[in-house]
Amino acid sequence: MVDEALAATMNDCAIDFPSGNSEVEATGLETLPSGRYRRTAVGGGTFRAGVQTTCRTRFRPGVNPGR
């Protein structure tokens, strides 16, 4: 979820960057400590995301290599 001020930058992050290229660096965003979790939050200058989501892996289903 993003507000209007960040919409264009988030669209830029959707570009198919080559492997190893950081969309965070390319768009001028920066990472910030998120507090409760070890992952980082996304920010940029005076911007701080109003909403953050975090995922936790509960299980990894097996993948059939023949699929």
PDB file of N, CA and C in Angstrom:
ATOM      1  N   MET A   1       0.836  -1.162   0.000  1.00  0.00           N
ATOM      2  CA  MET A   1       0.000   0.000   0.000  1.00  0.00           C
ATOM      3  C   MET A   1       0.892   1.240   0.000  1.00  0.00           C
ATOM      4  N   VAL A   2       0.646   2.149  -0.906  1.00  0.00           N
ATOM      5  CA  VAL A   2       1.422   3.389  -0.950  1.00  0.00           C
ATOM      6  C   VAL A   2       0.480   4.568  -1.125  1.00  0.00           C
ATOM      7  N   ASP A   3       0.967   5.733  -0.708  1.00  0.00           N
ATOM      8  CA  ASP A   3       0.171   6.937  -0.936  1.00  0.00           C
ATOM      9  C   ASP A   3       0.626   7.597  -2.240  1.00  0.00           C
ATOM     10  N   GLU A   4      -0.039   8.686  -2.628  1.00  0.00           N
ATOM     11  CA  GLU A   4       0.283   9.344  -3.899  1.00  0.00           C
ATOM     12  C   GLU A   4       1.728   9.818  -3.965  1.00  0.00           C
ATOM     13  N   ALA A   5       2.270  10.261  -2.847  1.00  0.00           N
ATOM     14  CA  ALA A   5       3.638  10.779  -2.842  1.00  0.00           C
ATOM     15  C   ALA A   5       4.660   9.712  -3.229  1.00  0.00           C
ATOM     16  N   LEU A   6       4.354   8.460  -3.000  1.00  0.00           N
ATOM     17  CA  LEU A   6       5.302   7.381  -3.267  1.00  0.00           C
ATOM     18  C   LEU A   6       4.915   6.523  -4.476  1.00  0.00           C
ATOM     19  N   ALA A   7       3.759   6.769  -5.078  1.00  0.00           N
ATOM     20  CA  ALA A   7       3.246   5.917  -6.157  1.00  0.00           C
ATOM     21  C   ALA A   7       4.211   5.801  -7.342  1.00  0.00           C
ATOM     22  N   ALA A   8       4.757   6.892  -7.817  1.00  0.00           N
ATOM     23  CA  ALA A   8       5.660   6.838  -8.977  1.00  0.00           C
ATOM     24  C   ALA A   8       6.921   6.039  -8.657  1.00  0.00           C
ATOM     25  N   THR A   9       7.468   6.213  -7.470  1.00  0.00           N
ATOM     26  CA  THR A   9       8.667   5.476  -7.076  1.00  0.00           C
ATOM     27  C   THR A   9       8.374   3.987  -6.968  1.00  0.00           C
ATOM     28  N   MET A  10       7.225   3.629  -6.436  1.00  0.00           N
ATOM     29  CA  MET A  10       6.875   2.215  -6.318  1.00  0.00           C
ATOM     30  C   MET A  10       6.668   1.598  -7.700  1.00  0.00           C
ATOM     31  N   ASN A  11       6.113   2.362  -8.649  1.00  0.00           N
ATOM     32  CA  ASN A  11       6.000   1.866 -10.025  1.00  0.00           C
ATOM     33  C   ASN A  11       7.377   1.639 -10.628  1.00  0.00           C
ATOM     34  N   ASP A  12       8.326   2.530 -10.342  1.00  0.00           N
ATOM     35  CA  ASP A  12       9.691   2.349 -10.833  1.00  0.00           C
ATOM     36  C   ASP A  12      10.313   1.066 -10.279  1.00  0.00           C
ATOM     37  N   CYS A  13       9.940   0.687  -9.059  1.00  0.00           N
ATOM     38  CA  CYS A  13      10.466  -0.544  -8.461  1.00  0.00           C
ATOM     39  C   CYS A  13       9.970  -1.795  -9.180  1.00  0.00           C
ATOM     40  N   ALA A  14       8.912  -1.673  -9.969  1.00  0.00           N
ATOM     41  CA  ALA A  14       8.354  -2.818 -10.685  1.00  0.00           C
ATOM     42  C   ALA A  14       9.094  -3.122 -11.982  1.00  0.00           C
ATOM     43  N   ILE A  15      10.053  -2.273 -12.354  1.00  0.00           N
ATOM     44  CA  ILE A  15      10.848  -2.521 -13.555  1.00  0.00           C
ATOM     45  C   ILE A  15      11.621  -3.827 -13.375  1.00  0.00           C
ATOM     46  N   ASP A  16      11.824  -4.553 -14.434  1.00  0.00           N
ATOM     47  CA  ASP A  16      12.567  -5.809 -14.375  1.00  0.00           C
ATOM     48  C   ASP A  16      14.062  -5.501 -14.295  1.00  0.00           C
ATOM     49  N   PHE A  17      14.552  -5.286 -13.098  1.00  0.00           N
ATOM     50  CA  PHE A  17      15.970  -4.985 -12.887  1.00  0.00           C
ATOM     51  C   PHE A  17      16.804  -6.239 -13.111  1.00  0.00           C
ATOM     52  N   PRO A  18      18.009  -6.080 -13.652  1.00  0.00           N
ATOM     53  CA  PRO A  18      18.896  -7.227 -13.795  1.00  0.00           C
ATOM     54  C   PRO A  18      19.225  -7.818 -12.420  1.00  0.00           C
ATOM     55  N   SER A  19      19.486  -9.097 -12.395  1.00  0.00           N
ATOM     56  CA  SER A  19      19.842  -9.770 -11.154  1.00  0.00           C
ATOM     57  C   SER A  19      21.024  -9.059 -10.489  1.00  0.00           C
ATOM     58  N   GLY A  20      20.910  -8.828  -9.204  1.00  0.00           N
ATOM     59  CA  GLY A  20      21.979  -8.169  -8.466  1.00  0.00           C
ATOM     60  C   GLY A  20      21.824  -6.663  -8.370  1.00  0.00           C
ATOM     61  N   ASN A  21      20.916  -6.063  -9.156  1.00  0.00           N
ATOM     62  CA  ASN A  21      20.670  -4.620  -9.083  1.00  0.00           C
ATOM     63  C   ASN A  21      19.559  -4.358  -8.075  1.00  0.00           C
ATOM     64  N   SER A  22      19.767  -3.394  -7.207  1.00  0.00           N
ATOM     65  CA  SER A  22      18.802  -3.080  -6.160  1.00  0.00           C
ATOM     66  C   SER A  22      17.847  -1.985  -6.608  1.00  0.00           C
ATOM     67  N   GLU A  23      16.543  -2.287  -6.597  1.00  0.00           N
ATOM     68  CA  GLU A  23      15.571  -1.241  -6.917  1.00  0.00           C
ATOM     69  C   GLU A  23      15.532  -0.179  -5.830  1.00  0.00           C
ATOM     70  N   VAL A  24      15.875  -0.552  -4.620  1.00  0.00           N
ATOM     71  CA  VAL A  24      15.918   0.429  -3.525  1.00  0.00           C
ATOM     72  C   VAL A  24      16.970   1.492  -3.837  1.00  0.00           C
ATOM     73  N   GLU A  25      18.163   1.062  -4.219  1.00  0.00           N
ATOM     74  CA  GLU A  25      19.224   2.015  -4.575  1.00  0.00           C
ATOM     75  C   GLU A  25      18.894   2.783  -5.850  1.00  0.00           C
ATOM     76  N   ALA A  26      18.362   2.101  -6.861  1.00  0.00           N
ATOM     77  CA  ALA A  26      18.092   2.733  -8.148  1.00  0.00           C
ATOM     78  C   ALA A  26      17.020   3.818  -8.056  1.00  0.00           C
ATOM     79  N   THR A  27      16.083   3.686  -7.137  1.00  0.00           N
ATOM     80  CA  THR A  27      14.994   4.654  -7.027  1.00  0.00           C
ATOM     81  C   THR A  27      15.216   5.693  -5.940  1.00  0.00           C
ATOM     82  N   GLY A  28      16.325   5.595  -5.217  1.00  0.00           N
ATOM     83  CA  GLY A  28      16.622   6.587  -4.187  1.00  0.00           C
ATOM     84  C   GLY A  28      15.937   6.330  -2.856  1.00  0.00           C
ATOM     85  N   LEU A  29      15.324   5.164  -2.709  1.00  0.00           N
ATOM     86  CA  LEU A  29      14.739   4.814  -1.416  1.00  0.00           C
ATOM     87  C   LEU A  29      15.847   4.397  -0.470  1.00  0.00           C
ATOM     88  N   GLU A  30      15.519   4.226   0.764  1.00  0.00           N
ATOM     89  CA  GLU A  30      16.484   3.717   1.728  1.00  0.00           C
ATOM     90  C   GLU A  30      15.769   2.751   2.655  1.00  0.00           C
ATOM     91  N   THR A  31      16.541   1.893   3.289  1.00  0.00           N
ATOM     92  CA  THR A  31      15.940   0.965   4.239  1.00  0.00           C
ATOM     93  C   THR A  31      16.125   1.511   5.646  1.00  0.00           C
ATOM     94  N   LEU A  32      15.168   1.186   6.477  1.00  0.00           N
ATOM     95  CA  LEU A  32      15.152   1.648   7.860  1.00  0.00           C
ATOM     96  C   LEU A  32      14.893   0.461   8.769  1.00  0.00           C
ATOM     97  N   PRO A  33      15.346   0.501  10.013  1.00  0.00           N
ATOM     98  CA  PRO A  33      15.021  -0.597  10.928  1.00  0.00           C
ATOM     99  C   PRO A  33      13.505  -0.690  11.095  1.00  0.00           C
ATOM    100  N   SER A  34      12.970  -1.905  11.150  1.00  0.00           N
ATOM    101  CA  SER A  34      11.522  -2.041  11.273  1.00  0.00           C
ATOM    102  C   SER A  34      11.060  -2.240  12.706  1.00  0.00           C
ATOM    103  N   GLY A  35      11.953  -2.479  13.610  1.00  0.00           N
ATOM    104  CA  GLY A  35      11.559  -2.592  15.012  1.00  0.00           C
ATOM    105  C   GLY A  35      11.414  -4.026  15.469  1.00  0.00           C
ATOM    106  N   ARG A  36      10.219  -4.569  15.361  1.00  0.00           N
ATOM    107  CA  ARG A  36       9.922  -5.882  15.918  1.00  0.00           C
ATOM    108  C   ARG A  36      10.606  -7.029  15.179  1.00  0.00           C
ATOM    109  N   TYR A  37      10.761  -6.893  13.862  1.00  0.00           N
ATOM    110  CA  TYR A  37      11.300  -7.980  13.051  1.00  0.00           C
ATOM    111  C   TYR A  37      12.693  -7.637  12.547  1.00  0.00           C
ATOM    112  N   ARG A  38      13.428  -8.666  12.132  1.00  0.00           N
ATOM    113  CA  ARG A  38      14.789  -8.444  11.639  1.00  0.00           C
ATOM    114  C   ARG A  38      14.829  -7.833  10.250  1.00  0.00           C
ATOM    115  N   ARG A  39      13.737  -7.861   9.522  1.00  0.00           N
ATOM    116  CA  ARG A  39      13.698  -7.285   8.176  1.00  0.00           C
ATOM    117  C   ARG A  39      13.715  -5.760   8.263  1.00  0.00           C
ATOM    118  N   THR A  40      14.044  -5.131   7.155  1.00  0.00           N
ATOM    119  CA  THR A  40      14.066  -3.677   7.122  1.00  0.00           C
ATOM    120  C   THR A  40      12.787  -3.129   6.517  1.00  0.00           C
ATOM    121  N   ALA A  41      12.487  -1.892   6.849  1.00  0.00           N
ATOM    122  CA  ALA A  41      11.348  -1.187   6.274  1.00  0.00           C
ATOM    123  C   ALA A  41      11.879  -0.308   5.149  1.00  0.00           C
ATOM    124  N   VAL A  42      10.984   0.162   4.282  1.00  0.00           N
ATOM    125  CA  VAL A  42      11.385   1.027   3.173  1.00  0.00           C
ATOM    126  C   VAL A  42      11.026   2.457   3.523  1.00  0.00           C
ATOM    127  N   GLY A  43      11.975   3.351   3.273  1.00  0.00           N
ATOM    128  CA  GLY A  43      11.746   4.776   3.490  1.00  0.00           C
ATOM    129  C   GLY A  43      12.512   5.537   2.435  1.00  0.00           C
ATOM    130  N   GLY A  44      12.520   6.837   2.534  1.00  0.00           N
ATOM    131  CA  GLY A  44      13.289   7.633   1.587  1.00  0.00           C
ATOM    132  C   GLY A  44      13.316   9.067   2.038  1.00  0.00           C
ATOM    133  N   GLY A  45      14.457   9.540   2.486  1.00  0.00           N
ATOM    134  CA  GLY A  45      14.556  10.911   2.976  1.00  0.00           C
ATOM    135  C   GLY A  45      13.630  11.114   4.165  1.00  0.00           C
ATOM    136  N   THR A  46      12.666  12.001   4.012  1.00  0.00           N
ATOM    137  CA  THR A  46      11.740  12.256   5.111  1.00  0.00           C
ATOM    138  C   THR A  46      10.539  11.324   5.064  1.00  0.00           C
ATOM    139  N   PHE A  47      10.455  10.483   4.039  1.00  0.00           N
ATOM    140  CA  PHE A  47       9.321   9.567   3.898  1.00  0.00           C
ATOM    141  C   PHE A  47       9.500   8.354   4.787  1.00  0.00           C
ATOM    142  N   ARG A  48       8.448   7.938   5.430  1.00  0.00           N
ATOM    143  CA  ARG A  48       8.408   6.654   6.132  1.00  0.00           C
ATOM    144  C   ARG A  48       7.064   6.015   5.801  1.00  0.00           C
ATOM    145  N   ALA A  49       7.100   4.763   5.371  1.00  0.00           N
ATOM    146  CA  ALA A  49       5.870   4.078   4.976  1.00  0.00           C
ATOM    147  C   ALA A  49       4.866   4.072   6.120  1.00  0.00           C
ATOM    148  N   GLY A  50       3.614   4.356   5.802  1.00  0.00           N
ATOM    149  CA  GLY A  50       2.571   4.341   6.816  1.00  0.00           C
ATOM    150  C   GLY A  50       2.099   2.942   7.142  1.00  0.00           C
ATOM    151  N   VAL A  51       2.360   1.985   6.243  1.00  0.00           N
ATOM    152  CA  VAL A  51       1.936   0.609   6.443  1.00  0.00           C
ATOM    153  C   VAL A  51       3.118  -0.300   6.113  1.00  0.00           C
ATOM    154  N   GLN A  52       3.313  -1.312   6.933  1.00  0.00           N
ATOM    155  CA  GLN A  52       4.334  -2.311   6.653  1.00  0.00           C
ATOM    156  C   GLN A  52       3.684  -3.677   6.780  1.00  0.00           C
ATOM    157  N   THR A  53       4.093  -4.586   5.918  1.00  0.00           N
ATOM    158  CA  THR A  53       3.613  -5.954   6.033  1.00  0.00           C
ATOM    159  C   THR A  53       4.810  -6.867   6.218  1.00  0.00           C
ATOM    160  N   THR A  54       4.601  -7.927   6.942  1.00  0.00           N
ATOM    161  CA  THR A  54       5.658  -8.889   7.198  1.00  0.00           C
ATOM    162  C   THR A  54       5.095 -10.287   7.007  1.00  0.00           C
ATOM    163  N   CYS A  55       5.877 -11.152   6.398  1.00  0.00           N
ATOM    164  CA  CYS A  55       5.458 -12.531   6.184  1.00  0.00           C
ATOM    165  C   CYS A  55       6.349 -13.468   6.989  1.00  0.00           C
ATOM    166  N   ARG A  56       5.777 -14.556   7.410  1.00  0.00           N
ATOM    167  CA  ARG A  56       6.541 -15.580   8.110  1.00  0.00           C
ATOM    168  C   ARG A  56       6.290 -16.899   7.390  1.00  0.00           C
ATOM    169  N   THR A  57       7.348 -17.642   7.100  1.00  0.00           N
ATOM    170  CA  THR A  57       7.209 -18.938   6.444  1.00  0.00           C
ATOM    171  C   THR A  57       6.807 -19.967   7.484  1.00  0.00           C
ATOM    172  N   ARG A  58       5.665 -20.606   7.271  1.00  0.00           N
ATOM    173  CA  ARG A  58       5.207 -21.651   8.193  1.00  0.00           C
ATOM    174  C   ARG A  58       5.571 -23.035   7.673  1.00  0.00           C
ATOM    175  N   PHE A  59       5.547 -23.206   6.367  1.00  0.00           N
ATOM    176  CA  PHE A  59       5.957 -24.471   5.766  1.00  0.00           C
ATOM    177  C   PHE A  59       6.306 -24.233   4.305  1.00  0.00           C
ATOM    178  N   ARG A  60       7.065 -25.125   3.742  1.00  0.00           N
ATOM    179  CA  ARG A  60       7.402 -25.069   2.324  1.00  0.00           C
ATOM    180  C   ARG A  60       6.908 -26.379   1.692  1.00  0.00           C
ATOM    181  N   PRO A  61       5.915 -26.268   0.847  1.00  0.00           N
ATOM    182  CA  PRO A  61       5.411 -27.497   0.221  1.00  0.00           C
ATOM    183  C   PRO A  61       6.453 -28.078  -0.745  1.00  0.00           C
ATOM    184  N   GLY A  62       6.455 -29.373  -0.860  1.00  0.00           N
ATOM    185  CA  GLY A  62       7.347 -30.023  -1.802  1.00  0.00           C
ATOM    186  C   GLY A  62       6.974 -29.665  -3.232  1.00  0.00           C
ATOM    187  N   VAL A  63       7.946 -29.623  -4.105  1.00  0.00           N
ATOM    188  CA  VAL A  63       7.696 -29.300  -5.510  1.00  0.00           C
ATOM    189  C   VAL A  63       8.040 -30.536  -6.340  1.00  0.00           C
ATOM    190  N   ASN A  64       7.130 -30.909  -7.195  1.00  0.00           N
ATOM    191  CA  ASN A  64       7.346 -32.041  -8.076  1.00  0.00           C
ATOM    192  C   ASN A  64       8.228 -31.600  -9.232  1.00  0.00           C
ATOM    193  N   PRO A  65       9.456 -32.097  -9.347  1.00  0.00           N
ATOM    194  CA  PRO A  65      10.348 -31.648 -10.431  1.00  0.00           C
ATOM    195  C   PRO A  65       9.817 -31.955 -11.823  1.00  0.00           C
ATOM    196  N   GLY A  66       8.855 -32.867 -11.947  1.00  0.00           N
ATOM    197  CA  GLY A  66       8.291 -33.190 -13.243  1.00  0.00           C
ATOM    198  C   GLY A  66       7.194 -32.247 -13.692  1.00  0.00           C
ATOM    199  N   ARG A  67       6.845 -31.268 -12.890  1.00  0.00           N
ATOM    200  CA  ARG A  67       5.779 -30.327 -13.248  1.00  0.00           C
ATOM    201  C   ARG A  67       6.275 -29.252 -14.151  1.00  0.00           C
TER     202      ARG A  67
END
